[in-house]
Structure formats: C-alpha cells, structure tokens
PDB file of all heavy atoms in Angstrom:
ATOM      1  N   ASN A   1     114.944 163.240 136.877  1.00  0.00           N
ATOM      2  CA  ASN A   1     113.919 164.223 137.180  1.00  0.00           C
ATOM      3  C   ASN A   1     113.928 164.511 138.668  1.00  0.00           C
ATOM      4  O   ASN A   1     114.145 163.610 139.475  1.00  0.00           O
ATOM      5  CB  ASN A   1     112.537 163.734 136.750  1.00  0.00           C
ATOM      6  CG  ASN A   1     112.344 163.737 135.260  1.00  0.00           C
ATOM      7  OD1 ASN A   1     112.675 162.772 134.575  1.00  0.00           O
ATOM      8  ND2 ASN A   1     111.809 164.841 134.736  1.00  0.00           N
ATOM      9  N   TYR A   2     113.652 165.764 139.027  1.00  0.00           N
ATOM     10  CA  TYR A   2     113.705 166.197 140.412  1.00  0.00           C
ATOM     11  C   TYR A   2     112.434 166.916 140.814  1.00  0.00           C
ATOM     12  O   TYR A   2     111.786 167.574 139.994  1.00  0.00           O
ATOM     13  CB  TYR A   2     114.872 167.152 140.642  1.00  0.00           C
ATOM     14  CG  TYR A   2     116.226 166.575 140.365  1.00  0.00           C
ATOM     15  CD1 TYR A   2     116.784 166.638 139.098  1.00  0.00           C
ATOM     16  CD2 TYR A   2     116.962 165.984 141.384  1.00  0.00           C
ATOM     17  CE1 TYR A   2     118.036 166.109 138.839  1.00  0.00           C
ATOM     18  CE2 TYR A   2     118.217 165.456 141.140  1.00  0.00           C
ATOM     19  CZ  TYR A   2     118.752 165.523 139.861  1.00  0.00           C
ATOM     20  OH  TYR A   2     120.000 165.003 139.624  1.00  0.00           O
ATOM     21  N   ALA A   3     112.110 166.815 142.092  1.00  0.00           N
ATOM     22  CA  ALA A   3     111.070 167.657 142.639  1.00  0.00           C
ATOM     23  C   ALA A   3     111.543 169.106 142.617  1.00  0.00           C
ATOM     24  O   ALA A   3     112.732 169.386 142.782  1.00  0.00           O
ATOM     25  CB  ALA A   3     110.742 167.238 144.069  1.00  0.00           C
ATOM     26  N   ASP A   4     110.612 170.034 142.419  1.00  0.00           N
ATOM     27  CA  ASP A   4     110.983 171.439 142.359  1.00  0.00           C
ATOM     28  C   ASP A   4     111.692 171.905 143.628  1.00  0.00           C
ATOM     29  O   ASP A   4     112.587 172.759 143.578  1.00  0.00           O
ATOM     30  CB  ASP A   4     109.745 172.306 142.127  1.00  0.00           C
ATOM     31  CG  ASP A   4     109.203 172.190 140.718  1.00  0.00           C
ATOM     32  OD1 ASP A   4     109.947 171.754 139.817  1.00  0.00           O
ATOM     33  OD2 ASP A   4     108.026 172.546 140.510  1.00  0.00           O
ATOM     34  N   SER A   5     111.325 171.339 144.754  1.00  0.00           N
ATOM     35  CA  SER A   5     111.870 171.767 146.028  1.00  0.00           C
ATOM     36  C   SER A   5     113.355 171.434 146.207  1.00  0.00           C
ATOM     37  O   SER A   5     114.011 172.015 147.070  1.00  0.00           O
ATOM     38  CB  SER A   5     111.073 171.147 147.179  1.00  0.00           C
ATOM     39  OG  SER A   5     111.116 169.734 147.129  1.00  0.00           O
ATOM     40  N   VAL A   6     113.883 170.508 145.398  1.00  0.00           N
ATOM     41  CA  VAL A   6     115.280 170.105 145.554  1.00  0.00           C
ATOM     42  C   VAL A   6     116.137 170.430 144.344  1.00  0.00           C
ATOM     43  O   VAL A   6     117.357 170.217 144.382  1.00  0.00           O
ATOM     44  CB  VAL A   6     115.403 168.606 145.882  1.00  0.00           C
ATOM     45  CG1 VAL A   6     114.548 168.247 147.088  1.00  0.00           C
ATOM     46  CG2 VAL A   6     115.034 167.745 144.682  1.00  0.00           C
ATOM     47  N   LYS A   7     115.547 170.947 143.287  1.00  0.00           N
ATOM     48  CA  LYS A   7     116.308 171.284 142.090  1.00  0.00           C
ATOM     49  C   LYS A   7     117.410 172.288 142.414  1.00  0.00           C
ATOM     50  O   LYS A   7     117.187 173.272 143.110  1.00  0.00           O
ATOM     51  CB  LYS A   7     115.393 171.858 141.008  1.00  0.00           C
ATOM     52  CG  LYS A   7     114.538 170.825 140.305  1.00  0.00           C
ATOM     53  CD  LYS A   7     113.673 171.457 139.226  1.00  0.00           C
ATOM     54  CE  LYS A   7     112.846 170.411 138.503  1.00  0.00           C
ATOM     55  NZ  LYS A   7     111.944 171.024 137.496  1.00  0.00           N
ATOM     56  N   GLY A   8     118.595 172.012 141.903  1.00  0.00           N
ATOM     57  CA  GLY A   8     119.733 172.872 142.151  1.00  0.00           C
ATOM     58  C   GLY A   8     120.488 172.548 143.415  1.00  0.00           C
ATOM     59  O   GLY A   8     121.598 173.060 143.614  1.00  0.00           O
ATOM     60  N   ARG A   9     119.911 171.725 144.282  1.00  0.00           N
ATOM     61  CA  ARG A   9     120.566 171.358 145.535  1.00  0.00           C
ATOM     62  C   ARG A   9     120.919 169.878 145.605  1.00  0.00           C
ATOM     63  O   ARG A   9     121.957 169.513 146.164  1.00  0.00           O
ATOM     64  CB  ARG A   9     119.677 171.711 146.731  1.00  0.00           C
ATOM     65  CG  ARG A   9     119.362 173.192 146.843  1.00  0.00           C
ATOM     66  CD  ARG A   9     118.643 173.504 148.154  1.00  0.00           C
ATOM     67  NE  ARG A   9     117.356 172.823 148.254  1.00  0.00           N
ATOM     68  CZ  ARG A   9     117.031 171.956 149.209  1.00  0.00           C
ATOM     69  NH1 ARG A   9     117.910 171.654 150.159  1.00  0.00           N
ATOM     70  NH2 ARG A   9     115.824 171.397 149.230  1.00  0.00           N
ATOM     71  N   PHE A  10     120.056 169.037 145.061  1.00  0.00           N
ATOM     72  CA  PHE A  10     120.260 167.590 145.104  1.00  0.00           C
ATOM     73  C   PHE A  10     120.669 167.076 143.728  1.00  0.00           C
ATOM     74  O   PHE A  10     120.232 167.598 142.699  1.00  0.00           O
ATOM     75  CB  PHE A  10     118.983 166.867 145.524  1.00  0.00           C
ATOM     76  CG  PHE A  10     118.558 167.081 146.946  1.00  0.00           C
ATOM     77  CD1 PHE A  10     119.162 168.033 147.756  1.00  0.00           C
ATOM     78  CD2 PHE A  10     117.533 166.319 147.476  1.00  0.00           C
ATOM     79  CE1 PHE A  10     118.762 168.228 149.065  1.00  0.00           C
ATOM     80  CE2 PHE A  10     117.119 166.499 148.785  1.00  0.00           C
ATOM     81  CZ  PHE A  10     117.731 167.457 149.584  1.00  0.00           C
ATOM     82  N   THR A  11     121.470 166.024 143.716  1.00  0.00           N
ATOM     83  CA  THR A  11     121.861 165.370 142.479  1.00  0.00           C
ATOM     84  C   THR A  11     121.720 163.865 142.635  1.00  0.00           C
ATOM     85  O   THR A  11     122.282 163.277 143.563  1.00  0.00           O
ATOM     86  CB  THR A  11     123.311 165.701 142.094  1.00  0.00           C
ATOM     87  OG1 THR A  11     123.463 167.117 141.948  1.00  0.00           O
ATOM     88  CG2 THR A  11     123.670 165.031 140.767  1.00  0.00           C
ATOM     89  N   ILE A  12     120.965 163.253 141.739  1.00  0.00           N
ATOM     90  CA  ILE A  12     120.826 161.806 141.738  1.00  0.00           C
ATOM     91  C   ILE A  12     121.753 161.219 140.679  1.00  0.00           C
ATOM     92  O   ILE A  12     121.927 161.795 139.604  1.00  0.00           O
ATOM     93  CB  ILE A  12     119.361 161.378 141.495  1.00  0.00           C
ATOM     94  CG1 ILE A  12     119.189 159.874 141.728  1.00  0.00           C
ATOM     95  CG2 ILE A  12     118.880 161.778 140.108  1.00  0.00           C
ATOM     96  CD1 ILE A  12     117.731 159.432 141.759  1.00  0.00           C
ATOM     97  N   SER A  13     122.353 160.094 140.991  1.00  0.00           N
ATOM     98  CA  SER A  13     123.225 159.414 140.051  1.00  0.00           C
ATOM     99  C   SER A  13     123.131 157.916 140.295  1.00  0.00           C
ATOM    100  O   SER A  13     122.581 157.476 141.309  1.00  0.00           O
ATOM    101  CB  SER A  13     124.677 159.895 140.183  1.00  0.00           C
ATOM    102  OG  SER A  13     125.183 159.625 141.477  1.00  0.00           O
ATOM    103  N   ARG A  14     123.644 157.133 139.364  1.00  0.00           N
ATOM    104  CA  ARG A  14     123.620 155.689 139.544  1.00  0.00           C
ATOM    105  C   ARG A  14     124.839 155.042 138.909  1.00  0.00           C
ATOM    106  O   ARG A  14     125.434 155.577 137.968  1.00  0.00           O
ATOM    107  CB  ARG A  14     122.330 155.084 138.970  1.00  0.00           C
ATOM    108  CG  ARG A  14     122.144 155.238 137.464  1.00  0.00           C
ATOM    109  CD  ARG A  14     120.751 154.782 137.038  1.00  0.00           C
ATOM    110  NE  ARG A  14     120.582 153.340 137.169  1.00  0.00           N
ATOM    111  CZ  ARG A  14     119.408 152.699 137.095  1.00  0.00           C
ATOM    112  NH1 ARG A  14     118.295 153.392 136.912  1.00  0.00           N
ATOM    113  NH2 ARG A  14     119.361 151.392 137.219  1.00  0.00           N
ATOM    114  N   ASP A  15     125.193 153.902 139.444  1.00  0.00           N
ATOM    115  CA  ASP A  15     126.260 153.074 138.921  1.00  0.00           C
ATOM    116  C   ASP A  15     125.621 151.746 138.561  1.00  0.00           C
ATOM    117  O   ASP A  15     125.346 150.926 139.434  1.00  0.00           O
ATOM    118  CB  ASP A  15     127.367 152.902 139.961  1.00  0.00           C
ATOM    119  CG  ASP A  15     128.570 152.163 139.417  1.00  0.00           C
ATOM    120  OD1 ASP A  15     128.421 151.354 138.483  1.00  0.00           O
ATOM    121  OD2 ASP A  15     129.679 152.387 139.932  1.00  0.00           O
ATOM    122  N   ASN A  16     125.370 151.545 137.287  1.00  0.00           N
ATOM    123  CA  ASN A  16     124.665 150.343 136.852  1.00  0.00           C
ATOM    124  C   ASN A  16     125.469 149.071 137.130  1.00  0.00           C
ATOM    125  O   ASN A  16     124.892 148.022 137.411  1.00  0.00           O
ATOM    126  CB  ASN A  16     124.335 150.439 135.363  1.00  0.00           C
ATOM    127  CG  ASN A  16     123.269 151.475 135.070  1.00  0.00           C
ATOM    128  OD1 ASN A  16     122.433 151.782 135.917  1.00  0.00           O
ATOM    129  ND2 ASN A  16     123.294 152.015 133.859  1.00  0.00           N
ATOM    130  N   ALA A  17     126.791 149.159 137.052  1.00  0.00           N
ATOM    131  CA  ALA A  17     127.627 147.998 137.324  1.00  0.00           C
ATOM    132  C   ALA A  17     127.505 147.553 138.772  1.00  0.00           C
ATOM    133  O   ALA A  17     127.625 146.363 139.075  1.00  0.00           O
ATOM    134  CB  ALA A  17     129.077 148.295 136.974  1.00  0.00           C
ATOM    135  N   LYS A  18     127.274 148.499 139.675  1.00  0.00           N
ATOM    136  CA  LYS A  18     127.143 148.200 141.092  1.00  0.00           C
ATOM    137  C   LYS A  18     125.693 148.093 141.545  1.00  0.00           C
ATOM    138  O   LYS A  18     125.442 147.827 142.719  1.00  0.00           O
ATOM    139  CB  LYS A  18     127.845 149.266 141.932  1.00  0.00           C
ATOM    140  CG  LYS A  18     129.342 149.342 141.732  1.00  0.00           C
ATOM    141  CD  LYS A  18     129.953 150.425 142.610  1.00  0.00           C
ATOM    142  CE  LYS A  18     131.450 150.497 142.448  1.00  0.00           C
ATOM    143  NZ  LYS A  18     132.044 151.566 143.294  1.00  0.00           N
ATOM    144  N   ASN A  19     124.763 148.324 140.632  1.00  0.00           N
ATOM    145  CA  ASN A  19     123.339 148.335 140.972  1.00  0.00           C
ATOM    146  C   ASN A  19     123.065 149.258 142.160  1.00  0.00           C
ATOM    147  O   ASN A  19     122.354 148.903 143.099  1.00  0.00           O
ATOM    148  CB  ASN A  19     122.842 146.920 141.280  1.00  0.00           C
ATOM    149  CG  ASN A  19     122.848 146.018 140.069  1.00  0.00           C
ATOM    150  OD1 ASN A  19     122.437 146.430 138.980  1.00  0.00           O
ATOM    151  ND2 ASN A  19     123.300 144.789 140.244  1.00  0.00           N
ATOM    152  N   THR A  20     123.631 150.438 142.088  1.00  0.00           N
ATOM    153  CA  THR A  20     123.552 151.383 143.194  1.00  0.00           C
ATOM    154  C   THR A  20     123.109 152.754 142.702  1.00  0.00           C
ATOM    155  O   THR A  20     123.543 153.210 141.640  1.00  0.00           O
ATOM    156  CB  THR A  20     124.912 151.506 143.895  1.00  0.00           C
ATOM    157  OG1 THR A  20     125.296 150.221 144.399  1.00  0.00           O
ATOM    158  CG2 THR A  20     124.848 152.487 145.047  1.00  0.00           C
ATOM    159  N   VAL A  21     122.248 153.387 143.477  1.00  0.00           N
ATOM    160  CA  VAL A  21     121.815 154.744 143.193  1.00  0.00           C
ATOM    161  C   VAL A  21     122.242 155.635 144.353  1.00  0.00           C
ATOM    162  O   VAL A  21     122.262 155.207 145.510  1.00  0.00           O
ATOM    163  CB  VAL A  21     120.290 154.820 142.958  1.00  0.00           C
ATOM    164  CG1 VAL A  21     119.515 154.435 144.216  1.00  0.00           C
ATOM    165  CG2 VAL A  21     119.881 156.206 142.470  1.00  0.00           C
ATOM    166  N   TYR A  22     122.592 156.882 144.043  1.00  0.00           N
ATOM    167  CA  TYR A  22     123.068 157.829 145.032  1.00  0.00           C
ATOM    168  C   TYR A  22     122.222 159.090 145.006  1.00  0.00           C
ATOM    169  O   TYR A  22     121.634 159.446 143.984  1.00  0.00           O
ATOM    170  CB  TYR A  22     124.522 158.214 144.768  1.00  0.00           C
ATOM    171  CG  TYR A  22     125.462 157.045 144.633  1.00  0.00           C
ATOM    172  CD1 TYR A  22     125.740 156.493 143.386  1.00  0.00           C
ATOM    173  CD2 TYR A  22     126.073 156.489 145.748  1.00  0.00           C
ATOM    174  CE1 TYR A  22     126.603 155.417 143.254  1.00  0.00           C
ATOM    175  CE2 TYR A  22     126.934 155.416 145.625  1.00  0.00           C
ATOM    176  CZ  TYR A  22     127.201 154.880 144.379  1.00  0.00           C
ATOM    177  OH  TYR A  22     128.054 153.817 144.259  1.00  0.00           O
ATOM    178  N   LEU A  23     122.189 159.760 146.131  1.00  0.00           N
ATOM    179  CA  LEU A  23     121.558 161.069 146.202  1.00  0.00           C
ATOM    180  C   LEU A  23     122.495 161.995 146.960  1.00  0.00           C
ATOM    181  O   LEU A  23     122.657 161.863 148.173  1.00  0.00           O
ATOM    182  CB  LEU A  23     120.199 161.005 146.896  1.00  0.00           C
ATOM    183  CG  LEU A  23     119.413 162.315 146.910  1.00  0.00           C
ATOM    184  CD1 LEU A  23     118.962 162.680 145.491  1.00  0.00           C
ATOM    185  CD2 LEU A  23     118.200 162.219 147.832  1.00  0.00           C
ATOM    186  N   GLN A  24     123.120 162.913 146.236  1.00  0.00           N
ATOM    187  CA  GLN A  24     123.967 163.923 146.846  1.00  0.00           C
ATOM    188  C   GLN A  24     123.097 165.103 147.228  1.00  0.00           C
ATOM    189  O   GLN A  24     122.472 165.723 146.369  1.00  0.00           O
ATOM    190  CB  GLN A  24     125.064 164.367 145.880  1.00  0.00           C
ATOM    191  CG  GLN A  24     125.986 165.445 146.432  1.00  0.00           C
ATOM    192  CD  GLN A  24     126.819 164.951 147.590  1.00  0.00           C
ATOM    193  OE1 GLN A  24     127.398 163.869 147.523  1.00  0.00           O
ATOM    194  NE2 GLN A  24     126.882 165.737 148.655  1.00  0.00           N
ATOM    195  N   MET A  25     123.049 165.419 148.509  1.00  0.00           N
ATOM    196  CA  MET A  25     122.198 166.473 149.022  1.00  0.00           C
ATOM    197  C   MET A  25     123.071 167.595 149.565  1.00  0.00           C
ATOM    198  O   MET A  25     123.794 167.412 150.546  1.00  0.00           O
ATOM    199  CB  MET A  25     121.270 165.947 150.111  1.00  0.00           C
ATOM    200  CG  MET A  25     120.410 164.769 149.664  1.00  0.00           C
ATOM    201  SD  MET A  25     119.212 164.259 150.927  1.00  0.00           S
ATOM    202  CE  MET A  25     120.332 163.611 152.169  1.00  0.00           C
ATOM    203  N   ASN A  26     123.006 168.751 148.926  1.00  0.00           N
ATOM    204  CA  ASN A  26     123.753 169.921 149.344  1.00  0.00           C
ATOM    205  C   ASN A  26     122.810 171.024 149.795  1.00  0.00           C
ATOM    206  O   ASN A  26     121.624 171.006 149.488  1.00  0.00           O
ATOM    207  CB  ASN A  26     124.632 170.434 148.197  1.00  0.00           C
ATOM    208  CG  ASN A  26     125.660 169.432 147.742  1.00  0.00           C
ATOM    209  OD1 ASN A  26     126.198 168.663 148.540  1.00  0.00           O
ATOM    210  ND2 ASN A  26     125.968 169.446 146.444  1.00  0.00           N
ATOM    211  N   SER A  27     123.360 171.989 150.501  1.00  0.00           N
ATOM    212  CA  SER A  27     122.574 173.132 150.987  1.00  0.00           C
ATOM    213  C   SER A  27     121.295 172.672 151.671  1.00  0.00           C
ATOM    214  O   SER A  27     120.199 173.176 151.404  1.00  0.00           O
ATOM    215  CB  SER A  27     122.252 174.078 149.824  1.00  0.00           C
ATOM    216  OG  SER A  27     123.429 174.537 149.198  1.00  0.00           O
ATOM    217  N   LEU A  28     121.435 171.734 152.562  1.00  0.00           N
ATOM    218  CA  LEU A  28     120.272 171.150 153.222  1.00  0.00           C
ATOM    219  C   LEU A  28     119.538 172.170 154.085  1.00  0.00           C
ATOM    220  O   LEU A  28     120.155 173.048 154.698  1.00  0.00           O
ATOM    221  CB  LEU A  28     120.693 169.954 154.066  1.00  0.00           C
ATOM    222  CG  LEU A  28     120.970 168.683 153.259  1.00  0.00           C
ATOM    223  CD1 LEU A  28     121.799 167.700 154.066  1.00  0.00           C
ATOM    224  CD2 LEU A  28     119.658 168.043 152.823  1.00  0.00           C
ATOM    225  N   LYS A  29     118.228 172.021 154.106  1.00  0.00           N
ATOM    226  CA  LYS A  29     117.347 172.895 154.869  1.00  0.00           C
ATOM    227  C   LYS A  29     116.586 172.071 155.900  1.00  0.00           C
ATOM    228  O   LYS A  29     116.381 170.876 155.706  1.00  0.00           O
ATOM    229  CB  LYS A  29     116.346 173.590 153.940  1.00  0.00           C
ATOM    230  CG  LYS A  29     116.961 174.361 152.796  1.00  0.00           C
ATOM    231  CD  LYS A  29     115.878 174.876 151.855  1.00  0.00           C
ATOM    232  CE  LYS A  29     116.474 175.632 150.690  1.00  0.00           C
ATOM    233  NZ  LYS A  29     115.422 176.116 149.761  1.00  0.00           N
ATOM    234  N   PRO A  30     116.130 172.696 156.984  1.00  0.00           N
ATOM    235  CA  PRO A  30     115.339 171.947 157.969  1.00  0.00           C
ATOM    236  C   PRO A  30     114.127 171.249 157.348  1.00  0.00           C
ATOM    237  O   PRO A  30     113.754 170.164 157.803  1.00  0.00           O
ATOM    238  CB  PRO A  30     114.913 173.031 158.962  1.00  0.00           C
ATOM    239  CG  PRO A  30     116.019 174.028 158.909  1.00  0.00           C
ATOM    240  CD  PRO A  30     116.430 174.053 157.456  1.00  0.00           C
ATOM    241  N   GLU A  31     113.528 171.839 156.328  1.00  0.00           N
ATOM    242  CA  GLU A  31     112.378 171.229 155.686  1.00  0.00           C
ATOM    243  C   GLU A  31     112.719 169.980 154.875  1.00  0.00           C
ATOM    244  O   GLU A  31     111.827 169.291 154.394  1.00  0.00           O
ATOM    245  CB  GLU A  31     111.635 172.238 154.795  1.00  0.00           C
ATOM    246  CG  GLU A  31     112.541 173.010 153.855  1.00  0.00           C
ATOM    247  CD  GLU A  31     112.916 174.384 154.400  1.00  0.00           C
ATOM    248  OE1 GLU A  31     113.288 174.468 155.580  1.00  0.00           O
ATOM    249  OE2 GLU A  31     112.828 175.369 153.640  1.00  0.00           O
ATOM    250  N   ASP A  32     114.008 169.684 154.722  1.00  0.00           N
ATOM    251  CA  ASP A  32     114.424 168.433 154.096  1.00  0.00           C
ATOM    252  C   ASP A  32     114.373 167.260 155.068  1.00  0.00           C
ATOM    253  O   ASP A  32     114.566 166.113 154.658  1.00  0.00           O
ATOM    254  CB  ASP A  32     115.842 168.552 153.536  1.00  0.00           C
ATOM    255  CG  ASP A  32     115.944 169.534 152.387  1.00  0.00           C
ATOM    256  OD1 ASP A  32     115.047 169.545 151.525  1.00  0.00           O
ATOM    257  OD2 ASP A  32     116.938 170.295 152.356  1.00  0.00           O
ATOM    258  N   THR A  33     114.145 167.544 156.337  1.00  0.00           N
ATOM    259  CA  THR A  33     114.080 166.494 157.344  1.00  0.00           C
ATOM    260  C   THR A  33     112.961 165.511 157.019  1.00  0.00           C
ATOM    261  O   THR A  33     111.809 165.899 156.852  1.00  0.00           O
ATOM    262  CB  THR A  33     113.864 167.089 158.735  1.00  0.00           C
ATOM    263  OG1 THR A  33     115.002 167.881 159.092  1.00  0.00           O
ATOM    264  CG2 THR A  33     113.674 165.999 159.774  1.00  0.00           C
ATOM    265  N   ALA A  34     113.308 164.241 156.919  1.00  0.00           N
ATOM    266  CA  ALA A  34     112.347 163.208 156.559  1.00  0.00           C
ATOM    267  C   ALA A  34     113.039 161.854 156.582  1.00  0.00           C
ATOM    268  O   ALA A  34     114.261 161.766 156.702  1.00  0.00           O
ATOM    269  CB  ALA A  34     111.774 163.458 155.159  1.00  0.00           C
ATOM    270  N   VAL A  35     112.236 160.810 156.473  1.00  0.00           N
ATOM    271  CA  VAL A  35     112.768 159.494 156.189  1.00  0.00           C
ATOM    272  C   VAL A  35     112.848 159.362 154.674  1.00  0.00           C
ATOM    273  O   VAL A  35     111.856 159.576 153.974  1.00  0.00           O
ATOM    274  CB  VAL A  35     111.896 158.369 156.781  1.00  0.00           C
ATOM    275  CG1 VAL A  35     112.449 157.006 156.396  1.00  0.00           C
ATOM    276  CG2 VAL A  35     111.824 158.497 158.298  1.00  0.00           C
ATOM    277  N   TYR A  36     114.018 159.027 154.176  1.00  0.00           N
ATOM    278  CA  TYR A  36     114.241 158.901 152.747  1.00  0.00           C
ATOM    279  C   TYR A  36     114.227 157.430 152.353  1.00  0.00           C
ATOM    280  O   TYR A  36     114.923 156.608 152.953  1.00  0.00           O
ATOM    281  CB  TYR A  36     115.570 159.539 152.357  1.00  0.00           C
ATOM    282  CG  TYR A  36     115.510 161.043 152.324  1.00  0.00           C
ATOM    283  CD1 TYR A  36     115.379 161.770 153.500  1.00  0.00           C
ATOM    284  CD2 TYR A  36     115.569 161.735 151.117  1.00  0.00           C
ATOM    285  CE1 TYR A  36     115.295 163.154 153.479  1.00  0.00           C
ATOM    286  CE2 TYR A  36     115.497 163.119 151.087  1.00  0.00           C
ATOM    287  CZ  TYR A  36     115.360 163.824 152.269  1.00  0.00           C
ATOM    288  OH  TYR A  36     115.284 165.192 152.235  1.00  0.00           O
ATOM    289  N   TYR A  37     113.430 157.114 151.340  1.00  0.00           N
ATOM    290  CA  TYR A  37     113.248 155.747 150.887  1.00  0.00           C
ATOM    291  C   TYR A  37     113.780 155.568 149.473  1.00  0.00           C
ATOM    292  O   TYR A  37     113.503 156.381 148.593  1.00  0.00           O
ATOM    293  CB  TYR A  37     111.776 155.358 150.895  1.00  0.00           C
ATOM    294  CG  TYR A  37     111.138 155.353 152.262  1.00  0.00           C
ATOM    295  CD1 TYR A  37     110.520 156.484 152.766  1.00  0.00           C
ATOM    296  CD2 TYR A  37     111.146 154.198 153.044  1.00  0.00           C
ATOM    297  CE1 TYR A  37     109.932 156.484 154.019  1.00  0.00           C
ATOM    298  CE2 TYR A  37     110.561 154.191 154.291  1.00  0.00           C
ATOM    299  CZ  TYR A  37     109.952 155.331 154.775  1.00  0.00           C
ATOM    300  OH  TYR A  37     109.367 155.317 156.014  1.00  0.00           O
ATOM    301  N   CYS A  38     114.507 154.506 149.263  1.00  0.00           N
ATOM    302  CA  CYS A  38     114.964 154.126 147.943  1.00  0.00           C
ATOM    303  C   CYS A  38     113.882 153.312 147.243  1.00  0.00           C
ATOM    304  O   CYS A  38     113.194 152.504 147.873  1.00  0.00           O
ATOM    305  CB  CYS A  38     116.253 153.305 148.066  1.00  0.00           C
ATOM    306  SG  CYS A  38     116.956 152.771 146.490  1.00  0.00           S
ATOM    307  N   ASN A  39     113.733 153.528 145.956  1.00  0.00           N
ATOM    308  CA  ASN A  39     112.716 152.839 145.168  1.00  0.00           C
ATOM    309  C   ASN A  39     113.314 152.330 143.866  1.00  0.00           C
ATOM    310  O   ASN A  39     114.155 152.992 143.258  1.00  0.00           O
ATOM    311  CB  ASN A  39     111.553 153.793 144.874  1.00  0.00           C
ATOM    312  CG  ASN A  39     110.547 153.220 143.892  1.00  0.00           C
ATOM    313  OD1 ASN A  39     110.452 153.669 142.747  1.00  0.00           O
ATOM    314  ND2 ASN A  39     109.783 152.243 144.336  1.00  0.00           N
ATOM    315  N   LEU A  40     112.875 151.153 143.456  1.00  0.00           N
ATOM    316  CA  LEU A  40     113.262 150.607 142.166  1.00  0.00           C
ATOM    317  C   LEU A  40     112.026 150.062 141.468  1.00  0.00           C
ATOM    318  O   LEU A  40     111.273 149.289 142.066  1.00  0.00           O
ATOM    319  CB  LEU A  40     114.313 149.502 142.314  1.00  0.00           C
ATOM    320  CG  LEU A  40     114.887 148.902 141.021  1.00  0.00           C
ATOM    321  CD1 LEU A  40     116.317 148.428 141.239  1.00  0.00           C
ATOM    322  CD2 LEU A  40     114.036 147.742 140.505  1.00  0.00           C
ATOM    323  N   VAL A  41     111.828 150.472 140.246  1.00  0.00           N
ATOM    324  CA  VAL A  41     110.761 149.942 139.405  1.00  0.00           C
ATOM    325  C   VAL A  41     111.420 149.223 138.246  1.00  0.00           C
ATOM    326  O   VAL A  41     112.149 149.840 137.467  1.00  0.00           O
ATOM    327  CB  VAL A  41     109.823 151.046 138.896  1.00  0.00           C
ATOM    328  CG1 VAL A  41     108.744 150.445 138.003  1.00  0.00           C
ATOM    329  CG2 VAL A  41     109.197 151.794 140.058  1.00  0.00           C
TER     330      VAL A  41
END
C-alpha cells in the first residue's frame, strides 16, 4: 500500500530471505525531502 502522494513514483519491495525491505524512489520532487524511517511490525 502507498500514500497517494507517492503512487506511481515509488515502489516498495522486500526480500524475506534477507529480512530486507527496499524503497525505489523515482521522479523525486523537492516535497519528498524528509527523514525516511524504516518500520517493522
């Protein structure tokens, strides 16, 4: 699931074997500027 503001530009994926999550961010905009935090529940 994605926030509306990033749909079509960002792609989240994961590798369960590596316990790793990725965020591919394309067509970045100045309003994307932020500290990005990883979360696991």
